[in-house]
Protein backbone atom coordinates (compact mmCIF):
# COMPACT_ATOMS: atom_id res chain seq x y z
CA UNK A 1 0.00 0.00 0.00
CA UNK A 2 1.53 3.29 -0.99
CA UNK A 3 1.81 6.30 1.30
CA UNK A 4 -1.15 8.01 -0.38
CA UNK A 5 -3.46 5.07 0.42
CA UNK A 6 -2.42 5.02 4.09
CA UNK A 7 -3.44 8.65 4.37
CA UNK A 8 -6.95 7.79 3.19
CA UNK A 9 -9.10 8.50 6.25
CA UNK A 10 -11.83 6.12 5.11
CA UNK A 11 -9.41 3.19 5.11
CA UNK A 12 -8.44 4.07 8.68
CA UNK A 13 -12.11 4.32 9.64
CA UNK A 14 -12.78 0.88 8.19
CA UNK A 15 -9.75 -0.50 10.02
CA UNK A 16 -10.94 0.86 13.36
CA UNK A 17 -14.49 -0.36 12.77
CA UNK A 18 -13.18 -3.81 11.94
CA UNK A 19 -11.01 -3.80 15.06
CA UNK A 20 -14.10 -2.96 17.13
CA UNK A 21 -16.09 -5.75 15.47
CA UNK A 22 -13.37 -8.28 16.20
CA UNK A 23 -13.04 -7.20 19.84
CA UNK A 24 -16.79 -7.78 20.24
CA UNK A 25 -16.62 -11.15 18.47
CA UNK A 26 -13.75 -12.40 20.61
CA UNK A 27 -15.41 -11.05 23.74
CA UNK A 28 -18.54 -13.06 22.95
CA UNK A 29 -16.60 -16.17 22.00
CA UNK A 30 -14.50 -16.22 25.15
CA UNK A 31 -16.98 -14.98 27.76
CA UNK A 32 -20.32 -16.28 26.50
CA UNK A 33 -20.05 -19.73 28.16
CA UNK A 34 -19.12 -18.18 31.50
CA UNK A 35 -21.86 -15.57 31.26
CA UNK A 36 -24.48 -18.18 30.33
CA UNK A 37 -23.39 -20.44 33.19
CA UNK A 38 -23.72 -17.51 35.59
CA UNK A 39 -27.19 -16.73 34.21
CA UNK A 40 -28.21 -20.36 34.74
CA UNK A 41 -26.62 -20.51 38.17
CA UNK A 42 -24.43 -23.48 37.20
CA UNK A 43 -20.86 -24.20 36.28
CA UNK A 44 -19.78 -24.34 32.66
CA UNK A 45 -20.85 -27.81 31.57
CA UNK A 46 -23.17 -29.60 29.19
CA UNK A 47 -26.32 -27.59 29.92
CA UNK A 48 -24.51 -24.26 29.79
CA UNK A 49 -22.82 -25.33 26.54
CA UNK A 50 -26.13 -26.22 24.90
CA UNK A 51 -27.64 -22.87 25.94
CA UNK A 52 -24.46 -21.13 24.75
CA UNK A 53 -25.11 -22.54 21.27
CA UNK A 54 -28.43 -20.66 21.00
CA UNK A 55 -26.90 -17.24 20.16
CA UNK A 56 -24.68 -18.84 17.50
CA UNK A 57 -27.69 -20.55 15.89
CA UNK A 58 -29.40 -17.15 15.86
CA UNK A 59 -26.25 -15.69 14.27
CA UNK A 60 -26.45 -18.36 11.56
CA UNK A 61 -29.91 -17.18 10.55
CA UNK A 62 -28.98 -13.52 10.91
CA UNK A 63 -25.94 -14.01 8.70
CA UNK A 64 -28.21 -15.33 6.00
CA UNK A 65 -30.92 -12.67 6.34
CA UNK A 66 -29.09 -9.38 6.97
CA UNK A 67 -26.57 -9.49 4.08
CA UNK A 68 -29.33 -10.68 1.78
CA UNK A 69 -31.45 -7.68 2.77
CA UNK A 70 -28.43 -5.42 2.28
CA UNK A 71 -27.90 -6.81 -1.22
CA UNK A 72 -31.56 -6.38 -2.10
CA UNK A 73 -31.72 -2.77 -0.94
CA UNK A 74 -28.17 -1.79 -1.90
CA UNK A 75 -27.77 -0.11 1.48
CA UNK A 76 -24.52 -0.91 3.27
CA UNK A 77 -23.57 1.80 5.75
CA UNK A 78 -26.90 2.17 7.51
CA UNK A 79 -27.47 -1.57 7.75
CA UNK A 80 -23.97 -2.09 9.13
CA UNK A 81 -24.43 0.75 11.62
CA UNK A 82 -27.82 -0.51 12.80
CA UNK A 83 -26.52 -4.07 13.08
CA UNK A 84 -23.57 -2.93 15.20
CA UNK A 85 -25.83 -0.72 17.30
CA UNK A 86 -28.13 -3.70 17.94
CA UNK A 87 -25.09 -5.77 18.95
CA UNK A 88 -23.93 -3.10 21.38
CA UNK A 89 -27.40 -2.82 22.91
CA UNK A 90 -27.59 -6.61 23.17
CA UNK A 91 -24.29 -6.79 25.01
CA UNK A 92 -25.24 -3.95 27.36
CA UNK A 93 -28.73 -5.28 28.11
CA UNK A 94 -27.54 -8.85 28.71
CA UNK A 95 -26.07 -7.87 32.06
CA UNK A 96 -29.12 -5.97 33.27
CA UNK A 97 -32.13 -8.25 32.80
CA UNK A 98 -33.55 -11.63 33.80
CA UNK A 99 -31.80 -14.75 32.44
CA UNK A 100 -34.24 -15.47 29.60
CA UNK A 101 -34.12 -11.86 28.41
CA UNK A 102 -30.34 -11.91 28.79
CA UNK A 103 -30.10 -14.92 26.47
CA UNK A 104 -32.29 -13.09 23.94
CA UNK A 105 -30.04 -10.02 24.25
CA UNK A 106 -26.98 -12.22 23.71
CA UNK A 107 -28.67 -13.64 20.59
CA UNK A 108 -29.10 -10.09 19.29
CA UNK A 109 -25.44 -9.36 20.08
CA UNK A 110 -24.22 -12.51 18.32
CA UNK A 111 -26.37 -11.80 15.27
CA UNK A 112 -25.06 -8.24 15.19
CA UNK A 113 -21.34 -8.95 15.35
CA UNK A 114 -21.43 -11.94 13.01
CA UNK A 115 -23.98 -10.79 10.41
CA UNK A 116 -22.36 -7.39 9.98
CA UNK A 117 -19.15 -8.87 8.59
CA UNK A 118 -20.36 -9.77 5.07
CA UNK A 119 -21.96 -6.33 4.82
CA UNK A 120 -18.78 -4.69 6.15
CA UNK A 121 -16.55 -6.34 3.57
CA UNK A 122 -18.53 -4.85 0.70
CA UNK A 123 -17.54 -1.35 1.80
CA UNK A 124 -13.85 -1.36 0.78
CA UNK A 125 -14.88 -2.21 -2.78
CA UNK A 126 -16.98 0.95 -2.86
CA UNK A 127 -14.08 3.13 -1.73
CA UNK A 128 -11.06 1.67 -3.51
CA UNK A 129 -10.19 -0.10 -6.75
CA UNK A 130 -7.31 -1.97 -8.35
CA UNK A 131 -4.15 -2.47 -6.35
CA UNK A 132 -5.32 0.07 -3.79
CA UNK A 133 -8.28 -2.21 -3.07
CA UNK A 134 -6.03 -5.20 -2.46
CA UNK A 135 -3.73 -3.18 -0.23
CA UNK A 136 -6.66 -1.54 1.57
CA UNK A 137 -8.29 -4.89 2.35
CA UNK A 138 -4.98 -6.16 3.68
CA UNK A 139 -4.55 -3.05 5.80
CA UNK A 140 -8.07 -3.26 7.24
CA UNK A 141 -7.69 -6.98 7.91
CA UNK A 142 -4.43 -6.31 9.74
CA UNK A 143 -6.42 -4.58 12.49
CA UNK A 144 -8.78 -7.51 12.96
CA UNK A 145 -6.24 -10.31 12.78
């Protein structure tokens, strides 16, 4: 990536957004079993593991629906922003409500941080082209790796 491309503020914005997405993803991956076990009042075990799978099943469906909707409407930025906002609200609410509502909030969070990624990766192609696109994608991915 040449010096001119690194000065592109939009590439830096995408890199920081992707870093934030990955922090949320890894936070969910690592702490979800412990949080679910605490909500259930048990230790991490079989039951907690089965309940922990629920948000990821929800994310599976969300990852099919949200990017498809984005493709149909052609809207990227607003859908990505709303999806990330929903994820943030889901994470915040999960610690404040009853266990069943907390699991639902964690489902919203998982859908948000997973389903936003296909939508997110369409954005560099709208900003860059050619070799700058390849370098820009590598630069953005560097922050999430």
